[in-house]
Amino acid sequence: MTAAQWIALRYFSRSNAYSRTLTGLAQYQATTAGTASQTIKCLEHAGYVERDVSARDARSSVFTITDAGRAVMEEDPLAHLGQEVDDLSVADLTHLRDVLRYLLANIGGEQPRNPYGTCRDCAFLLTRQARGPNAARSNQYLCKLLNFYISETELNYLCKNFQALREFQRPQSRDAT
């Protein structure tokens, strides 16, 4: 597989249903819709992703990783990097997140990239407590931008409409602390 195909497969495996679109992938890869479309066609032809009609917009397609796609993800050449990141402390993870967000937000010069992040860290997330049977309480998660509820598992997925809770500022050096 090409580097672009690996990036697309990783993106589709880590994005919420609203973001697993041609446009979402093109924005994420900072490329054109035509280039992203060719990448998706290759992944579909290989049987790694499948195309479904979007429940929110019948003119749009949503891409889902297949069992074959999940199997090939086990051979991801960057999987070891994810394992190393998982071993970082919460403080180091937060610092790494802030540094990467800053770099990605400023990498494009005149055309800065849209920041990507998870619903859990998004300014558009609204958490409501709901009462169920027998007065049991549970949390409901609403995306205020798109006005739809998000499952708790989707809180950790990437979203193309992510808006940070605070502006990205140049992160402080870890040596300065």
Protein backbone atom coordinates (compact mmCIF):
# COMPACT_ATOMS: atom_id res chain seq x y z
CA MET A 1 0.00 0.00 0.00
CA THR A 2 1.07 3.59 -0.59
CA ALA A 3 1.62 6.10 2.21
CA ALA A 4 -1.58 7.92 1.19
CA GLN A 5 -3.57 4.67 1.41
CA TRP A 6 -2.19 3.94 4.88
CA ILE A 7 -3.11 7.46 6.01
CA ALA A 8 -6.62 7.06 4.61
CA LEU A 9 -7.11 3.68 6.26
CA ARG A 10 -5.91 5.06 9.61
CA TYR A 11 -8.18 8.08 9.19
CA PHE A 12 -11.28 6.00 8.43
CA SER A 13 -10.53 3.71 11.39
CA ARG A 14 -10.27 6.65 13.83
CA SER A 15 -12.98 9.05 12.61
CA ASN A 16 -16.60 9.48 13.55
CA ALA A 17 -19.28 8.63 10.98
CA TYR A 18 -19.82 12.29 10.09
CA SER A 19 -16.13 12.69 9.16
CA ARG A 20 -15.57 9.43 7.23
CA THR A 21 -16.32 11.11 3.91
CA LEU A 22 -14.39 12.03 0.78
CA THR A 23 -14.29 15.66 1.90
CA GLY A 24 -13.20 14.69 5.40
CA LEU A 25 -10.31 12.63 4.05
CA ALA A 26 -9.28 15.35 1.59
CA GLN A 27 -9.20 17.95 4.37
CA TYR A 28 -7.29 15.60 6.67
CA GLN A 29 -4.67 14.83 4.02
CA ALA A 30 -4.58 18.48 2.87
CA THR A 31 -5.16 17.33 -0.70
CA THR A 32 -7.76 17.67 -3.43
CA ALA A 33 -11.02 15.75 -3.58
CA GLY A 34 -9.78 14.09 -6.78
CA THR A 35 -6.65 12.75 -5.13
CA ALA A 36 -8.60 11.54 -2.09
CA SER A 37 -11.14 9.91 -4.42
CA GLN A 38 -8.40 7.93 -6.19
CA THR A 39 -7.03 6.76 -2.83
CA ILE A 40 -10.50 5.65 -1.72
CA LYS A 41 -11.09 3.80 -5.02
CA CYS A 42 -7.89 1.81 -4.46
CA LEU A 43 -8.95 0.93 -0.91
CA GLU A 44 -12.43 -0.09 -2.12
CA HIS A 45 -10.97 -2.20 -4.93
CA ALA A 46 -8.72 -3.98 -2.40
CA GLY A 47 -11.76 -4.60 -0.18
CA TYR A 48 -10.41 -2.55 2.75
CA VAL A 49 -13.26 0.00 2.89
CA GLU A 50 -16.88 -0.02 1.83
CA ARG A 51 -19.08 2.86 0.77
CA ASP A 52 -22.52 3.51 2.28
CA VAL A 53 -25.03 6.30 1.74
CA SER A 54 -24.87 8.87 4.53
CA ALA A 55 -27.83 8.80 6.91
CA ARG A 56 -27.58 12.60 7.24
CA ASP A 57 -27.23 13.44 3.53
CA ALA A 58 -28.26 10.99 0.80
CA ARG A 59 -25.95 12.81 -1.67
CA SER A 60 -22.91 11.90 0.38
CA SER A 61 -21.07 8.63 1.06
CA VAL A 62 -19.64 7.36 4.33
CA PHE A 63 -16.70 4.96 4.28
CA THR A 64 -16.31 2.12 6.74
CA ILE A 65 -13.35 -0.18 7.33
CA THR A 66 -14.10 -3.81 6.39
CA ASP A 67 -12.84 -6.93 8.16
CA ALA A 68 -10.11 -7.15 5.50
CA GLY A 69 -9.20 -3.53 6.25
CA ARG A 70 -8.97 -4.23 9.98
CA ALA A 71 -6.79 -7.25 9.24
CA VAL A 72 -4.36 -5.22 7.12
CA MET A 73 -4.27 -2.55 9.85
CA GLU A 74 -2.58 -5.16 12.05
CA GLU A 75 0.38 -4.88 9.66
CA ASP A 76 0.46 -1.07 9.90
CA PRO A 77 4.12 -0.03 9.66
CA LEU A 78 3.48 2.77 12.18
CA ALA A 79 1.67 0.63 14.76
CA HIS A 80 4.76 0.65 16.99
CA LEU A 81 4.56 4.45 17.17
CA GLY A 82 1.03 4.25 18.56
CA GLN A 83 2.17 1.75 21.18
CA GLU A 84 4.95 4.10 22.28
CA VAL A 85 2.50 7.01 22.51
CA ASP A 86 0.13 4.88 24.61
CA ASP A 87 2.95 4.45 27.14
CA LEU A 88 3.35 8.21 27.73
CA SER A 89 2.13 9.84 30.94
CA VAL A 90 -1.00 12.00 30.85
CA ALA A 91 1.14 15.15 31.16
CA ASP A 92 3.39 14.07 28.27
CA LEU A 93 0.36 13.13 26.15
CA THR A 94 -1.20 16.53 26.77
CA HIS A 95 2.04 18.30 25.84
CA LEU A 96 2.45 16.17 22.70
CA ARG A 97 -1.16 16.90 21.70
CA ASP A 98 -0.64 20.64 22.13
CA VAL A 99 2.62 20.66 20.18
CA LEU A 100 1.13 18.64 17.31
CA ARG A 101 -1.99 20.82 17.17
CA TYR A 102 0.13 23.94 17.07
CA LEU A 103 2.33 22.56 14.29
CA LEU A 104 -0.62 21.35 12.21
CA ALA A 105 -2.48 24.61 12.63
CA ASN A 106 0.53 26.61 11.43
CA ILE A 107 2.12 24.32 8.85
CA GLY A 108 0.22 25.75 5.88
CA GLY A 109 1.43 29.35 6.04
CA GLU A 110 -1.21 31.26 4.08
CA GLN A 111 -3.44 28.18 3.93
CA PRO A 112 -3.37 26.78 7.48
CA ARG A 113 -4.86 23.33 7.94
CA ASN A 114 -8.04 22.86 9.89
CA PRO A 115 -7.26 21.32 13.25
CA TYR A 116 -8.52 17.82 13.86
CA GLY A 117 -9.33 16.49 17.28
CA THR A 118 -11.75 14.30 19.14
CA CYS A 119 -15.27 15.14 20.23
CA ARG A 120 -14.15 14.76 23.86
CA ASP A 121 -11.88 17.84 23.49
CA CYS A 122 -14.22 19.88 21.28
CA ALA A 123 -15.88 23.19 22.12
CA PHE A 124 -19.08 21.97 20.43
CA LEU A 125 -19.59 19.07 22.86
CA LEU A 126 -22.44 19.44 25.31
CA THR A 127 -22.86 16.83 28.05
CA ARG A 128 -26.33 16.39 29.51
CA GLN A 129 -27.48 14.16 32.30
CA ALA A 130 -30.57 12.14 31.48
CA ARG A 131 -32.79 10.22 33.84
CA GLY A 132 -33.67 6.72 32.91
CA PRO A 133 -35.89 4.10 34.51
CA ASN A 134 -35.71 3.92 38.31
CA ALA A 135 -34.19 7.46 38.36
CA ALA A 136 -30.86 6.14 37.06
CA ARG A 137 -28.77 8.91 35.51
CA SER A 138 -26.67 8.64 32.40
CA ASN A 139 -24.78 11.11 30.26
CA GLN A 140 -25.90 12.11 26.80
CA TYR A 141 -23.44 13.83 24.47
CA LEU A 142 -24.66 16.39 21.96
CA CYS A 143 -22.68 18.02 19.16
CA LYS A 144 -23.97 21.61 19.31
CA LEU A 145 -22.64 22.39 15.82
CA LEU A 146 -24.43 19.56 14.03
CA ASN A 147 -27.25 19.13 16.56
CA PHE A 148 -27.00 15.37 16.93
CA TYR A 149 -26.19 13.00 19.73
CA ILE A 150 -22.86 11.20 19.90
CA SER A 151 -22.34 7.80 21.49
CA GLU A 152 -19.83 7.61 24.32
CA THR A 153 -17.51 5.46 22.19
CA GLU A 154 -17.45 8.13 19.45
CA LEU A 155 -16.14 10.76 21.87
CA ASN A 156 -12.60 9.54 21.15
CA TYR A 157 -12.96 9.59 17.35
CA LEU A 158 -11.58 12.31 15.07
CA CYS A 159 -13.99 14.91 13.75
CA LYS A 160 -13.52 17.19 10.74
CA ASN A 161 -15.48 19.97 12.49
CA PHE A 162 -13.35 19.94 15.62
CA GLN A 163 -12.95 23.26 17.40
CA ALA A 164 -10.52 23.40 20.30
CA LEU A 165 -11.78 24.54 23.67
CA ARG A 166 -9.04 27.18 23.56
CA GLU A 167 -6.95 28.76 20.83
CA PHE A 168 -3.73 27.00 19.91
CA GLN A 169 -0.76 28.87 21.26
CA ARG A 170 2.87 28.06 20.90
CA PRO A 171 3.40 25.35 23.54
CA GLN A 172 5.89 25.97 26.29
CA SER A 173 9.12 24.00 26.05
CA ARG A 174 9.17 21.01 28.38
CA ASP A 175 12.67 22.11 29.45
CA ALA A 176 11.30 25.45 30.69
CA THR A 177 9.18 23.78 33.35
